[in-house]
Amino acid sequence: MKEDTCAACDCELDDTRIAVKIGGKTVEVCCEECAIALREAEAATLAAAATAAHAGR
């Protein structure tokens, strides 16, 4: 992924880019839909990790 492309869909970024913090890093996306998709993916990953950690007790 190039630095001037969306972190979610790889489209070229323009002046309407949105900064999203994911996993402690800030990435840029092209639109609110991509921002939502990344936030949902991070939430699902964190939930799965928490479930796995709880099951391992």
N, C-alpha and C. Protein backbone atom coordinates (compact mmCIF):
# COMPACT_ATOMS: atom_id res chain seq x y z
N MET A 1 0.84 -1.17 0.00
CA MET A 1 0.00 0.00 0.00
C MET A 1 0.89 1.24 0.00
N LYS A 2 0.62 2.14 -0.93
CA LYS A 2 1.37 3.38 -1.00
C LYS A 2 0.85 4.35 0.05
N GLU A 3 1.66 5.32 0.39
CA GLU A 3 1.29 6.27 1.44
C GLU A 3 0.14 7.18 1.04
N ASP A 4 -0.10 7.37 -0.24
CA ASP A 4 -1.16 8.27 -0.69
C ASP A 4 -2.41 7.52 -1.13
N THR A 5 -2.60 6.32 -0.58
CA THR A 5 -3.80 5.55 -0.88
C THR A 5 -4.52 5.18 0.41
N CYS A 6 -5.79 4.90 0.28
CA CYS A 6 -6.64 4.54 1.41
C CYS A 6 -6.16 3.25 2.06
N ALA A 7 -6.13 3.23 3.38
CA ALA A 7 -5.69 2.04 4.12
C ALA A 7 -6.68 0.89 4.00
N ALA A 8 -7.93 1.19 3.64
CA ALA A 8 -8.95 0.15 3.56
C ALA A 8 -9.15 -0.37 2.14
N CYS A 9 -9.24 0.54 1.17
CA CYS A 9 -9.62 0.09 -0.18
C CYS A 9 -8.56 0.39 -1.24
N ASP A 10 -7.48 1.04 -0.86
CA ASP A 10 -6.36 1.34 -1.75
C ASP A 10 -6.68 2.39 -2.82
N CYS A 11 -7.79 3.11 -2.67
CA CYS A 11 -8.10 4.22 -3.59
C CYS A 11 -7.16 5.38 -3.28
N GLU A 12 -6.94 6.23 -4.29
CA GLU A 12 -6.10 7.39 -4.07
C GLU A 12 -6.78 8.36 -3.10
N LEU A 13 -5.97 8.96 -2.22
CA LEU A 13 -6.49 9.91 -1.25
C LEU A 13 -6.46 11.31 -1.83
N ASP A 14 -7.45 12.12 -1.44
CA ASP A 14 -7.47 13.52 -1.84
C ASP A 14 -7.61 14.37 -0.58
N ASP A 15 -8.04 15.60 -0.73
CA ASP A 15 -8.14 16.50 0.41
C ASP A 15 -9.21 16.11 1.42
N THR A 16 -10.08 15.18 1.08
CA THR A 16 -11.14 14.77 2.00
C THR A 16 -10.74 13.57 2.85
N ARG A 17 -9.47 13.21 2.84
CA ARG A 17 -9.00 12.04 3.61
C ARG A 17 -9.35 12.17 5.08
N ILE A 18 -9.54 11.02 5.72
CA ILE A 18 -9.92 10.96 7.13
C ILE A 18 -8.85 10.16 7.86
N ALA A 19 -8.37 10.69 8.98
CA ALA A 19 -7.39 9.99 9.81
C ALA A 19 -8.13 9.10 10.80
N VAL A 20 -7.71 7.85 10.89
CA VAL A 20 -8.33 6.87 11.78
C VAL A 20 -7.22 6.21 12.59
N LYS A 21 -7.41 6.12 13.92
CA LYS A 21 -6.43 5.46 14.77
C LYS A 21 -6.82 4.00 14.93
N ILE A 22 -5.97 3.11 14.47
CA ILE A 22 -6.20 1.67 14.50
C ILE A 22 -4.98 1.00 15.13
N GLY A 23 -5.19 0.27 16.19
CA GLY A 23 -4.09 -0.46 16.82
C GLY A 23 -2.94 0.43 17.25
N GLY A 24 -3.25 1.65 17.66
CA GLY A 24 -2.21 2.57 18.10
C GLY A 24 -1.54 3.35 16.99
N LYS A 25 -1.88 3.05 15.74
CA LYS A 25 -1.31 3.77 14.60
C LYS A 25 -2.40 4.59 13.94
N THR A 26 -2.02 5.73 13.39
CA THR A 26 -2.96 6.54 12.64
C THR A 26 -2.78 6.24 11.16
N VAL A 27 -3.88 5.87 10.51
CA VAL A 27 -3.88 5.62 9.07
C VAL A 27 -4.90 6.56 8.43
N GLU A 28 -4.78 6.74 7.13
CA GLU A 28 -5.71 7.61 6.42
C GLU A 28 -6.57 6.80 5.47
N VAL A 29 -7.85 7.17 5.43
CA VAL A 29 -8.80 6.51 4.55
C VAL A 29 -9.49 7.56 3.68
N CYS A 30 -10.14 7.08 2.62
CA CYS A 30 -10.73 8.00 1.65
C CYS A 30 -12.12 8.49 2.01
N CYS A 31 -12.84 7.76 2.87
CA CYS A 31 -14.23 8.13 3.14
C CYS A 31 -14.67 7.55 4.49
N GLU A 32 -15.83 8.01 4.94
CA GLU A 32 -16.36 7.55 6.22
C GLU A 32 -16.68 6.05 6.20
N GLU A 33 -17.11 5.52 5.05
CA GLU A 33 -17.41 4.09 4.95
C GLU A 33 -16.16 3.25 5.23
N CYS A 34 -15.02 3.68 4.69
CA CYS A 34 -13.77 2.95 4.94
C CYS A 34 -13.33 3.11 6.40
N ALA A 35 -13.55 4.29 6.99
CA ALA A 35 -13.23 4.51 8.40
C ALA A 35 -14.05 3.57 9.27
N ILE A 36 -15.34 3.46 8.98
CA ILE A 36 -16.21 2.56 9.73
C ILE A 36 -15.77 1.12 9.57
N ALA A 37 -15.42 0.72 8.35
CA ALA A 37 -14.99 -0.66 8.10
C ALA A 37 -13.75 -1.00 8.92
N LEU A 38 -12.78 -0.08 8.97
CA LEU A 38 -11.57 -0.35 9.75
C LEU A 38 -11.87 -0.41 11.25
N ARG A 39 -12.71 0.49 11.73
CA ARG A 39 -13.07 0.47 13.16
C ARG A 39 -13.80 -0.81 13.52
N GLU A 40 -14.70 -1.26 12.65
CA GLU A 40 -15.43 -2.51 12.91
C GLU A 40 -14.50 -3.71 12.88
N ALA A 41 -13.55 -3.72 11.96
CA ALA A 41 -12.59 -4.82 11.88
C ALA A 41 -11.72 -4.86 13.13
N GLU A 42 -11.31 -3.69 13.60
CA GLU A 42 -10.50 -3.65 14.82
C GLU A 42 -11.31 -4.14 16.02
N ALA A 43 -12.56 -3.71 16.13
CA ALA A 43 -13.42 -4.13 17.24
C ALA A 43 -13.62 -5.64 17.22
N ALA A 44 -13.83 -6.21 16.04
CA ALA A 44 -14.02 -7.66 15.93
C ALA A 44 -12.75 -8.41 16.32
N THR A 45 -11.61 -7.88 15.92
CA THR A 45 -10.34 -8.51 16.27
C THR A 45 -10.10 -8.47 17.77
N LEU A 46 -10.38 -7.32 18.38
CA LEU A 46 -10.21 -7.20 19.84
C LEU A 46 -11.17 -8.12 20.58
N ALA A 47 -12.41 -8.21 20.11
CA ALA A 47 -13.39 -9.09 20.75
C ALA A 47 -12.96 -10.55 20.65
N ALA A 48 -12.46 -10.94 19.48
CA ALA A 48 -12.01 -12.32 19.29
C ALA A 48 -10.82 -12.62 20.20
N ALA A 49 -9.92 -11.68 20.34
CA ALA A 49 -8.76 -11.88 21.20
C ALA A 49 -9.18 -11.99 22.65
N ALA A 50 -10.14 -11.18 23.07
CA ALA A 50 -10.63 -11.24 24.45
C ALA A 50 -11.32 -12.57 24.72
N THR A 51 -12.09 -13.04 23.76
CA THR A 51 -12.78 -14.33 23.90
C THR A 51 -11.77 -15.47 23.99
N ALA A 52 -10.73 -15.41 23.16
CA ALA A 52 -9.70 -16.45 23.18
C ALA A 52 -8.95 -16.44 24.49
N ALA A 53 -8.68 -15.24 25.00
CA ALA A 53 -7.95 -15.14 26.26
C ALA A 53 -8.80 -15.68 27.41
N HIS A 54 -10.09 -15.39 27.37
CA HIS A 54 -11.00 -15.87 28.41
C HIS A 54 -11.15 -17.40 28.35
N ALA A 55 -11.18 -17.95 27.16
CA ALA A 55 -11.33 -19.40 27.00
C ALA A 55 -10.08 -20.14 27.45
N GLY A 56 -8.95 -19.47 27.41
CA GLY A 56 -7.69 -20.09 27.80
C GLY A 56 -7.43 -20.14 29.28
N ARG A 57 -8.34 -19.65 30.09
CA ARG A 57 -8.14 -19.62 31.54
C ARG A 57 -8.32 -20.97 32.15
